[in-house]
Amino acid sequence: MPVRVEIDGPVTTVIHSRPESRNAMDPAHAAQLADAFEAFDADDTQHVAVFWGEGGAFCAGWDLKHASRLGDEDAPLADLDFPDDETDIPRGPMGPSRLQLSKPVIAAVAGPAVAGGFELALWCDVRIMEADAYFGVYCRRWGIPLIDGGTVRLPRLVGQGRALEIIMTGRQVTADEALRIGACEQVVPTGQARQAAEAMAQQIARFPQACMRADRRSVHAQYGLPEMQALRNEWRNSVHTLASEGVAGAGRFSEGRGRHGDFDQI
C-alpha cells in the first residue's frame, strides 16, 4: 500500500511509500494521506502522529507527470481551487497541507523533502531530519509555484528575507543549515529519523493532553495578532484546562511527584 498506518500505543505513524517515485505525490496518494491524518485526528486513543516517507525519501514533491496534464479533462485545474468559503476548505494538492489538526504531527525527514515535499514538512509541527536529508524549492526550475503553504509557513519559521532567498533561488538547504536557521528542530544520524520522531511522539503523548493541545493551539492562533490580543486569546484558550488538568497536576506535585525537574514520575 502506498499509504499505510502503524500504531504504537498513543502514537500513529503515517507512512507514504512510493519509492519508485521518491515518494512524489499524485492525487490518489494525496487523498489517502489526508484520509489517514483525518482518521488520526478523530481517534481519541491517538495523541501524536509521525509522518515518514519510506525508502530513503520524505517526498520529492508533486508528481510532475500529473502536473503536466493539468487542464486536461482528466486533471482539471479547478479541482485544486481554494474557495472563499472557510467552512468547506478543500484538501491541498499535496493532501493534508490545508488540514488544521487538533493534535501534533512530527515529520521524520530522510533524503529529499523538496518542492511540495518541503511544504508537507513545513505543515508539520516539528521536523526531525537525518544528517544527509535536505530541503529545497526544486520546483523553481519548472515554473511551478508553492501552493501548499510554503510561502506562508517558511517565513514564519526562518524570517522573511531568508525565506525569500531560499524560495527564489530554489537551492538545496542541508539538514545542518535547516537546524541553524530554525527550519528543523533536530538532526539525527542517517536512518534514524523515524525512530527519533516516534520517541519524541511517545514523550509528548505521556503528558496531560488537554493542556498540551491548548498550548499548541495558542501558538498557532497568535500569528498576526497584536501582543495584547494574543495574550487575551491565550488566556481564554487555556483557562478551562488550567481549572481541570492543571489543578489535578498541581495536586500530584504536592503529593511528591515530579520534584526537581523529574519527568519520569509524573
C-alpha atoms as a PDB file:
ATOM      1  CA  MET A   1       0.000   0.000   0.000  1.00  0.00           C
ATOM      2  CA  PRO A   2       1.392   3.421  -0.928  1.00  0.00           C
ATOM      3  CA  VAL A   3      -0.047   4.876   2.288  1.00  0.00           C
ATOM      4  CA  ARG A   4      -0.298   2.851   5.450  1.00  0.00           C
ATOM      5  CA  VAL A   5      -0.686   3.497   9.156  1.00  0.00           C
ATOM      6  CA  GLU A   6       1.129   1.845  12.057  1.00  0.00           C
ATOM      7  CA  ILE A   7       0.039   2.410  15.655  1.00  0.00           C
ATOM      8  CA  ASP A   8       2.131   2.017  18.790  1.00  0.00           C
ATOM      9  CA  GLY A   9       0.083   2.883  21.863  1.00  0.00           C
ATOM     10  CA  PRO A  10      -0.953   6.554  21.570  1.00  0.00           C
ATOM     11  CA  VAL A  11       1.347   7.258  18.577  1.00  0.00           C
ATOM     12  CA  THR A  12       0.260   6.947  14.940  1.00  0.00           C
ATOM     13  CA  THR A  13       2.908   6.714  12.226  1.00  0.00           C
ATOM     14  CA  VAL A  14       1.638   7.626   8.762  1.00  0.00           C
ATOM     15  CA  ILE A  15       3.868   6.142   6.075  1.00  0.00           C
ATOM     16  CA  HIS A  16       3.999   7.256   2.452  1.00  0.00           C
ATOM     17  CA  SER A  17       5.628   4.617   0.264  1.00  0.00           C
ATOM     18  CA  ARG A  18       6.176   5.317  -3.442  1.00  0.00           C
ATOM     19  CA  PRO A  19       9.905   4.556  -3.522  1.00  0.00           C
ATOM     20  CA  GLU A  20       9.930   4.246  -7.294  1.00  0.00           C
ATOM     21  CA  SER A  21       8.978   7.951  -7.444  1.00  0.00           C
ATOM     22  CA  ARG A  22      10.909   9.086  -4.336  1.00  0.00           C
ATOM     23  CA  ASN A  23       7.500   9.494  -2.712  1.00  0.00           C
ATOM     24  CA  ALA A  24       6.333  12.135  -5.193  1.00  0.00           C
ATOM     25  CA  MET A  25       2.658  12.903  -4.705  1.00  0.00           C
ATOM     26  CA  ASP A  26      -0.153  12.156  -7.115  1.00  0.00           C
ATOM     27  CA  PRO A  27      -3.872  12.836  -6.429  1.00  0.00           C
ATOM     28  CA  ALA A  28      -4.722   9.320  -5.270  1.00  0.00           C
ATOM     29  CA  HIS A  29      -1.951   9.202  -2.705  1.00  0.00           C
ATOM     30  CA  ALA A  30      -2.593  12.790  -1.603  1.00  0.00           C
ATOM     31  CA  ALA A  31      -6.184  11.787  -0.812  1.00  0.00           C
ATOM     32  CA  GLN A  32      -5.032   8.696   1.090  1.00  0.00           C
ATOM     33  CA  LEU A  33      -2.629  10.767   3.182  1.00  0.00           C
ATOM     34  CA  ALA A  34      -5.331  13.295   4.037  1.00  0.00           C
ATOM     35  CA  ASP A  35      -7.667  10.432   4.999  1.00  0.00           C
ATOM     36  CA  ALA A  36      -5.011   8.950   7.269  1.00  0.00           C
ATOM     37  CA  PHE A  37      -4.372  12.200   9.118  1.00  0.00           C
ATOM     38  CA  GLU A  38      -8.069  12.975   9.492  1.00  0.00           C
ATOM     39  CA  ALA A  39      -8.606   9.493  10.930  1.00  0.00           C
ATOM     40  CA  PHE A  40      -5.749  10.082  13.389  1.00  0.00           C
ATOM     41  CA  ASP A  41      -7.243  13.394  14.489  1.00  0.00           C
ATOM     42  CA  ALA A  42     -10.651  11.799  15.060  1.00  0.00           C
ATOM     43  CA  ASP A  43      -9.291   8.859  17.105  1.00  0.00           C
ATOM     44  CA  ASP A  44      -9.469   9.681  20.821  1.00  0.00           C
ATOM     45  CA  THR A  45      -6.903   6.983  21.624  1.00  0.00           C
ATOM     46  CA  GLN A  46      -4.218   8.642  19.481  1.00  0.00           C
ATOM     47  CA  HIS A  47      -2.262  11.662  20.724  1.00  0.00           C
ATOM     48  CA  VAL A  48       0.666  12.342  18.374  1.00  0.00           C
ATOM     49  CA  ALA A  49       1.399  11.432  14.746  1.00  0.00           C
ATOM     50  CA  VAL A  50       4.680  10.837  12.944  1.00  0.00           C
ATOM     51  CA  PHE A  51       4.868  11.450   9.186  1.00  0.00           C
ATOM     52  CA  TRP A  52       7.539   9.369   7.426  1.00  0.00           C
ATOM     53  CA  GLY A  53       8.425   8.657   3.808  1.00  0.00           C
ATOM     54  CA  GLU A  54       9.611   5.106   3.277  1.00  0.00           C
ATOM     55  CA  GLY A  55      12.554   4.168   1.087  1.00  0.00           C
ATOM     56  CA  GLY A  56      15.008   6.927   1.906  1.00  0.00           C
ATOM     57  CA  ALA A  57      12.989   9.924   0.715  1.00  0.00           C
ATOM     58  CA  PHE A  58      10.468  12.029   2.606  1.00  0.00           C
ATOM     59  CA  CYS A  59       8.804  13.410  -0.528  1.00  0.00           C
ATOM     60  CA  ALA A  60      10.184  14.637  -3.858  1.00  0.00           C
ATOM     61  CA  GLY A  61       7.198  16.936  -4.350  1.00  0.00           C
ATOM     62  CA  TRP A  62       4.261  16.931  -6.680  1.00  0.00           C
ATOM     63  CA  ASP A  63       4.200  14.244  -9.357  1.00  0.00           C
ATOM     64  CA  LEU A  64       5.212  16.341 -12.381  1.00  0.00           C
ATOM     65  CA  LYS A  65       3.841  13.749 -14.784  1.00  0.00           C
ATOM     66  CA  HIS A  66       0.427  14.510 -13.334  1.00  0.00           C
ATOM     67  CA  ALA A  67       1.112  18.243 -13.197  1.00  0.00           C
ATOM     68  CA  SER A  68       1.956  18.256 -16.900  1.00  0.00           C
ATOM     69  CA  ARG A  69      -1.644  17.220 -17.636  1.00  0.00           C
ATOM     70  CA  LEU A  70      -3.330  19.924 -15.550  1.00  0.00           C
ATOM     71  CA  GLY A  71      -6.128  21.455 -17.549  1.00  0.00           C
ATOM     72  CA  ASP A  72      -6.951  18.201 -19.338  1.00  0.00           C
ATOM     73  CA  GLU A  73     -10.390  16.712 -18.808  1.00  0.00           C
ATOM     74  CA  ASP A  74      -8.998  14.008 -16.507  1.00  0.00           C
ATOM     75  CA  ALA A  75      -6.995  16.509 -14.410  1.00  0.00           C
ATOM     76  CA  PRO A  76      -8.962  19.751 -14.170  1.00  0.00           C
ATOM     77  CA  LEU A  77      -7.119  22.643 -12.547  1.00  0.00           C
ATOM     78  CA  ALA A  78     -10.373  23.635 -10.803  1.00  0.00           C
ATOM     79  CA  ASP A  79     -10.034  20.571  -8.563  1.00  0.00           C
ATOM     80  CA  LEU A  80      -7.208  22.391  -6.751  1.00  0.00           C
ATOM     81  CA  ASP A  81      -9.161  25.596  -6.136  1.00  0.00           C
ATOM     82  CA  PHE A  82      -9.293  27.283  -2.720  1.00  0.00           C
ATOM     83  CA  PRO A  83     -12.768  28.879  -2.433  1.00  0.00           C
ATOM     84  CA  ASP A  84     -13.591  31.782  -0.139  1.00  0.00           C
ATOM     85  CA  ASP A  85     -15.994  29.650   1.929  1.00  0.00           C
ATOM     86  CA  GLU A  86     -13.970  28.888   5.056  1.00  0.00           C
ATOM     87  CA  THR A  87     -16.446  26.227   6.167  1.00  0.00           C
ATOM     88  CA  ASP A  88     -15.592  23.956   3.247  1.00  0.00           C
ATOM     89  CA  ILE A  89     -11.824  24.096   2.753  1.00  0.00           C
ATOM     90  CA  PRO A  90     -10.733  21.527   0.154  1.00  0.00           C
ATOM     91  CA  ARG A  91      -7.725  19.322   0.592  1.00  0.00           C
ATOM     92  CA  GLY A  92      -4.439  20.640  -0.745  1.00  0.00           C
ATOM     93  CA  PRO A  93      -2.751  19.295  -3.875  1.00  0.00           C
ATOM     94  CA  MET A  94      -0.263  17.520  -1.579  1.00  0.00           C
ATOM     95  CA  GLY A  95      -3.081  16.073   0.541  1.00  0.00           C
ATOM     96  CA  PRO A  96      -3.039  17.154   4.203  1.00  0.00           C
ATOM     97  CA  SER A  97      -1.367  20.547   3.644  1.00  0.00           C
ATOM     98  CA  ARG A  98      -4.565  22.540   4.372  1.00  0.00           C
ATOM     99  CA  LEU A  99      -5.719  20.447   7.321  1.00  0.00           C
ATOM    100  CA  GLN A 100      -5.722  22.138  10.719  1.00  0.00           C
ATOM    101  CA  LEU A 101      -5.456  19.229  13.108  1.00  0.00           C
ATOM    102  CA  SER A 102      -6.090  19.392  16.841  1.00  0.00           C
ATOM    103  CA  LYS A 103      -3.051  17.201  17.604  1.00  0.00           C
ATOM    104  CA  PRO A 104       0.662  17.478  16.778  1.00  0.00           C
ATOM    105  CA  VAL A 105       2.443  15.897  13.835  1.00  0.00           C
ATOM    106  CA  ILE A 106       6.205  15.284  13.727  1.00  0.00           C
ATOM    107  CA  ALA A 107       7.942  14.988  10.343  1.00  0.00           C
ATOM    108  CA  ALA A 108      10.642  12.304  10.148  1.00  0.00           C
ATOM    109  CA  VAL A 109      12.661  13.515   7.168  1.00  0.00           C
ATOM    110  CA  ALA A 110      15.008  11.239   5.258  1.00  0.00           C
ATOM    111  CA  GLY A 111      16.583  12.196   1.946  1.00  0.00           C
ATOM    112  CA  PRO A 112      14.807  14.845  -0.115  1.00  0.00           C
ATOM    113  CA  ALA A 113      11.896  16.903   1.149  1.00  0.00           C
ATOM    114  CA  VAL A 114      11.714  19.233  -1.812  1.00  0.00           C
ATOM    115  CA  ALA A 115       9.117  21.386  -3.581  1.00  0.00           C
ATOM    116  CA  GLY A 116       5.733  20.159  -2.327  1.00  0.00           C
ATOM    117  CA  GLY A 117       7.540  17.716  -0.046  1.00  0.00           C
ATOM    118  CA  PHE A 118       9.210  20.684   1.648  1.00  0.00           C
ATOM    119  CA  GLU A 119       5.748  22.194   2.103  1.00  0.00           C
ATOM    120  CA  LEU A 120       4.487  18.985   3.719  1.00  0.00           C
ATOM    121  CA  ALA A 121       7.391  19.054   6.170  1.00  0.00           C
ATOM    122  CA  LEU A 122       6.594  22.706   6.953  1.00  0.00           C
ATOM    123  CA  TRP A 123       2.953  21.723   7.606  1.00  0.00           C
ATOM    124  CA  CYS A 124       4.110  19.519  10.490  1.00  0.00           C
ATOM    125  CA  ASP A 125       4.630  20.920  13.993  1.00  0.00           C
ATOM    126  CA  VAL A 126       8.215  19.663  14.316  1.00  0.00           C
ATOM    127  CA  ARG A 127      10.787  18.430  11.805  1.00  0.00           C
ATOM    128  CA  ILE A 128      13.474  15.843  12.612  1.00  0.00           C
ATOM    129  CA  MET A 129      15.964  15.473   9.755  1.00  0.00           C
ATOM    130  CA  GLU A 130      18.574  12.824   9.047  1.00  0.00           C
ATOM    131  CA  ALA A 131      22.110  14.134   8.575  1.00  0.00           C
ATOM    132  CA  ASP A 132      22.026  13.784   4.788  1.00  0.00           C
ATOM    133  CA  ALA A 133      18.416  14.944   4.339  1.00  0.00           C
ATOM    134  CA  TYR A 134      17.688  18.234   2.633  1.00  0.00           C
ATOM    135  CA  PHE A 135      15.020  20.778   1.765  1.00  0.00           C
ATOM    136  CA  GLY A 136      14.682  22.884  -1.354  1.00  0.00           C
ATOM    137  CA  VAL A 137      12.179  24.635  -3.604  1.00  0.00           C
ATOM    138  CA  TYR A 138      13.239  22.483  -6.536  1.00  0.00           C
ATOM    139  CA  CYS A 139      10.028  23.321  -8.410  1.00  0.00           C
ATOM    140  CA  ARG A 140      11.657  26.734  -9.050  1.00  0.00           C
ATOM    141  CA  ARG A 141      13.214  25.160 -12.156  1.00  0.00           C
ATOM    142  CA  TRP A 142       9.880  24.351 -13.780  1.00  0.00           C
ATOM    143  CA  GLY A 143       7.773  27.430 -13.055  1.00  0.00           C
ATOM    144  CA  ILE A 144       5.556  25.614 -10.559  1.00  0.00           C
ATOM    145  CA  PRO A 145       4.701  27.891  -7.609  1.00  0.00           C
ATOM    146  CA  LEU A 146       4.373  26.942  -3.968  1.00  0.00           C
ATOM    147  CA  ILE A 147       0.658  26.276  -3.446  1.00  0.00           C
ATOM    148  CA  ASP A 148       0.709  24.105  -0.307  1.00  0.00           C
ATOM    149  CA  GLY A 149       1.720  26.655   2.300  1.00  0.00           C
ATOM    150  CA  GLY A 150       5.418  27.142   1.583  1.00  0.00           C
ATOM    151  CA  THR A 151       5.245  30.918   1.190  1.00  0.00           C
ATOM    152  CA  VAL A 152       3.229  31.157   4.431  1.00  0.00           C
ATOM    153  CA  ARG A 153       4.936  28.703   6.772  1.00  0.00           C
ATOM    154  CA  LEU A 154       8.611  29.081   5.816  1.00  0.00           C
ATOM    155  CA  PRO A 155       8.801  32.843   6.599  1.00  0.00           C
ATOM    156  CA  ARG A 156       7.147  32.196   9.962  1.00  0.00           C
ATOM    157  CA  LEU A 157       9.924  29.766  10.824  1.00  0.00           C
ATOM    158  CA  VAL A 158      13.038  31.431   9.421  1.00  0.00           C
ATOM    159  CA  GLY A 159      12.098  35.068   8.717  1.00  0.00           C
ATOM    160  CA  GLN A 160      11.055  36.776   5.524  1.00  0.00           C
ATOM    161  CA  GLY A 161      14.437  37.610   3.999  1.00  0.00           C
ATOM    162  CA  ARG A 162      15.911  34.158   4.495  1.00  0.00           C
ATOM    163  CA  ALA A 163      12.700  32.507   3.300  1.00  0.00           C
ATOM    164  CA  LEU A 164      12.658  34.629   0.148  1.00  0.00           C
ATOM    165  CA  GLU A 165      16.267  33.752  -0.627  1.00  0.00           C
ATOM    166  CA  ILE A 166      15.527  30.030  -0.261  1.00  0.00           C
ATOM    167  CA  ILE A 167      12.288  30.289  -2.251  1.00  0.00           C
ATOM    168  CA  MET A 168      13.602  32.476  -5.082  1.00  0.00           C
ATOM    169  CA  THR A 169      16.852  30.586  -5.656  1.00  0.00           C
ATOM    170  CA  GLY A 170      15.398  27.094  -5.192  1.00  0.00           C
ATOM    171  CA  ARG A 171      18.725  25.973  -3.763  1.00  0.00           C
ATOM    172  CA  GLN A 172      19.343  22.970  -1.537  1.00  0.00           C
ATOM    173  CA  VAL A 173      19.102  23.506   2.219  1.00  0.00           C
ATOM    174  CA  THR A 174      21.068  20.849   4.085  1.00  0.00           C
ATOM    175  CA  ALA A 175      19.991  19.435   7.434  1.00  0.00           C
ATOM    176  CA  ASP A 176      22.751  21.326   9.254  1.00  0.00           C
ATOM    177  CA  GLU A 177      21.645  24.634   7.739  1.00  0.00           C
ATOM    178  CA  ALA A 178      17.988  23.864   8.399  1.00  0.00           C
ATOM    179  CA  LEU A 179      18.796  23.325  12.075  1.00  0.00           C
ATOM    180  CA  ARG A 180      20.843  26.512  12.226  1.00  0.00           C
ATOM    181  CA  ILE A 181      18.130  28.730  10.707  1.00  0.00           C
ATOM    182  CA  GLY A 182      15.174  27.136  12.500  1.00  0.00           C
ATOM    183  CA  ALA A 183      13.669  25.162   9.611  1.00  0.00           C
ATOM    184  CA  CYS A 184      14.067  21.945  11.605  1.00  0.00           C
ATOM    185  CA  GLU A 185      14.368  21.179  15.295  1.00  0.00           C
ATOM    186  CA  GLN A 186      16.660  18.151  15.411  1.00  0.00           C
ATOM    187  CA  VAL A 187      19.243  16.388  13.217  1.00  0.00           C
ATOM    188  CA  VAL A 188      19.924  12.681  13.735  1.00  0.00           C
ATOM    189  CA  PRO A 189      22.174  10.122  12.032  1.00  0.00           C
ATOM    190  CA  THR A 190      21.057   8.770   8.682  1.00  0.00           C
ATOM    191  CA  GLY A 191      18.446   6.063   9.070  1.00  0.00           C
ATOM    192  CA  GLN A 192      17.221   7.227  12.486  1.00  0.00           C
ATOM    193  CA  ALA A 193      14.618   9.912  11.734  1.00  0.00           C
ATOM    194  CA  ARG A 194      11.597   7.684  12.219  1.00  0.00           C
ATOM    195  CA  GLN A 195      12.961   6.212  15.465  1.00  0.00           C
ATOM    196  CA  ALA A 196      13.762   9.676  16.844  1.00  0.00           C
ATOM    197  CA  ALA A 197      10.392  11.111  15.811  1.00  0.00           C
ATOM    198  CA  GLU A 198       8.491   8.224  17.380  1.00  0.00           C
ATOM    199  CA  ALA A 199      10.499   8.583  20.598  1.00  0.00           C
ATOM    200  CA  MET A 200       9.618  12.285  20.754  1.00  0.00           C
ATOM    201  CA  ALA A 201       5.983  11.458  19.985  1.00  0.00           C
ATOM    202  CA  GLN A 202       5.825   8.955  22.841  1.00  0.00           C
ATOM    203  CA  GLN A 203       7.324  11.535  25.188  1.00  0.00           C
ATOM    204  CA  ILE A 204       4.710  14.139  24.207  1.00  0.00           C
ATOM    205  CA  ALA A 205       1.921  11.559  24.448  1.00  0.00           C
ATOM    206  CA  ARG A 206       2.779  10.909  28.154  1.00  0.00           C
ATOM    207  CA  PHE A 207       1.736  14.400  29.223  1.00  0.00           C
ATOM    208  CA  PRO A 208      -1.794  15.617  30.068  1.00  0.00           C
ATOM    209  CA  GLN A 209      -3.190  16.051  26.574  1.00  0.00           C
ATOM    210  CA  ALA A 210      -5.776  18.817  27.011  1.00  0.00           C
ATOM    211  CA  CYS A 211      -3.052  21.133  28.335  1.00  0.00           C
ATOM    212  CA  MET A 212      -0.567  20.210  25.597  1.00  0.00           C
ATOM    213  CA  ARG A 213      -3.161  20.806  22.895  1.00  0.00           C
ATOM    214  CA  ALA A 214      -4.244  24.104  24.442  1.00  0.00           C
ATOM    215  CA  ASP A 215      -0.666  25.389  24.375  1.00  0.00           C
ATOM    216  CA  ARG A 216      -0.201  24.168  20.798  1.00  0.00           C
ATOM    217  CA  ARG A 217      -3.453  25.850  19.795  1.00  0.00           C
ATOM    218  CA  SER A 218      -2.351  29.145  21.348  1.00  0.00           C
ATOM    219  CA  VAL A 219       0.920  29.086  19.420  1.00  0.00           C
ATOM    220  CA  HIS A 220      -0.853  28.532  16.100  1.00  0.00           C
ATOM    221  CA  ALA A 221      -3.552  31.114  16.842  1.00  0.00           C
ATOM    222  CA  GLN A 222      -1.265  34.037  17.751  1.00  0.00           C
ATOM    223  CA  TYR A 223       0.158  34.759  14.280  1.00  0.00           C
ATOM    224  CA  GLY A 224      -0.642  38.228  13.022  1.00  0.00           C
ATOM    225  CA  LEU A 225      -2.258  39.411  16.252  1.00  0.00           C
ATOM    226  CA  PRO A 226      -1.195  42.371  18.391  1.00  0.00           C
ATOM    227  CA  GLU A 227       0.555  41.160  21.529  1.00  0.00           C
ATOM    228  CA  MET A 228      -2.264  42.073  23.913  1.00  0.00           C
ATOM    229  CA  GLN A 229      -4.895  40.368  21.768  1.00  0.00           C
ATOM    230  CA  ALA A 230      -2.731  37.253  21.550  1.00  0.00           C
ATOM    231  CA  LEU A 231      -2.278  37.276  25.332  1.00  0.00           C
ATOM    232  CA  ARG A 232      -6.030  37.619  25.819  1.00  0.00           C
ATOM    233  CA  ASN A 233      -6.676  34.737  23.426  1.00  0.00           C
ATOM    234  CA  GLU A 234      -4.087  32.606  25.203  1.00  0.00           C
ATOM    235  CA  TRP A 235      -5.917  33.066  28.493  1.00  0.00           C
ATOM    236  CA  ARG A 236      -9.338  32.325  27.060  1.00  0.00           C
ATOM    237  CA  ASN A 237      -8.000  29.293  25.242  1.00  0.00           C
ATOM    238  CA  SER A 238      -6.346  27.795  28.319  1.00  0.00           C
ATOM    239  CA  VAL A 239      -8.225  28.831  31.459  1.00  0.00           C
ATOM    240  CA  HIS A 240     -10.599  25.845  31.392  1.00  0.00           C
ATOM    241  CA  THR A 241      -7.670  23.453  31.051  1.00  0.00           C
ATOM    242  CA  LEU A 242      -5.949  25.136  33.993  1.00  0.00           C
ATOM    243  CA  ALA A 243      -9.057  24.557  36.081  1.00  0.00           C
ATOM    244  CA  SER A 244      -9.161  20.861  35.228  1.00  0.00           C
ATOM    245  CA  GLU A 245      -5.882  19.229  34.258  1.00  0.00           C
ATOM    246  CA  GLY A 246      -3.727  21.936  35.826  1.00  0.00           C
ATOM    247  CA  VAL A 247      -5.288  21.745  39.283  1.00  0.00           C
ATOM    248  CA  ALA A 248      -5.097  17.941  39.240  1.00  0.00           C
ATOM    249  CA  GLY A 249      -1.437  18.064  38.151  1.00  0.00           C
ATOM    250  CA  ALA A 250      -0.563  20.544  40.880  1.00  0.00           C
ATOM    251  CA  GLY A 251      -2.132  18.113  43.330  1.00  0.00           C
ATOM    252  CA  ARG A 252       0.162  15.324  42.140  1.00  0.00           C
ATOM    253  CA  PHE A 253       3.153  17.609  42.575  1.00  0.00           C
ATOM    254  CA  SER A 254       2.096  18.488  46.123  1.00  0.00           C
ATOM    255  CA  GLU A 255       1.981  14.766  46.861  1.00  0.00           C
ATOM    256  CA  GLY A 256       5.647  14.416  45.865  1.00  0.00           C
ATOM    257  CA  ARG A 257       5.569  13.623  42.162  1.00  0.00           C
ATOM    258  CA  GLY A 258       7.956  15.193  39.642  1.00  0.00           C
ATOM    259  CA  ARG A 259      10.172  17.040  42.092  1.00  0.00           C
ATOM    260  CA  HIS A 260      13.446  18.680  40.925  1.00  0.00           C
ATOM    261  CA  GLY A 261      12.502  18.542  37.230  1.00  0.00           C
ATOM    262  CA  ASP A 262      11.786  14.795  37.232  1.00  0.00           C
ATOM    263  CA  PHE A 263       9.824  13.992  34.054  1.00  0.00           C
ATOM    264  CA  ASP A 264       9.525  10.268  34.780  1.00  0.00           C
ATOM    265  CA  GLN A 265       7.386  10.141  37.929  1.00  0.00           C
ATOM    266  CA  ILE A 266       4.511  12.441  36.976  1.00  0.00           C
END
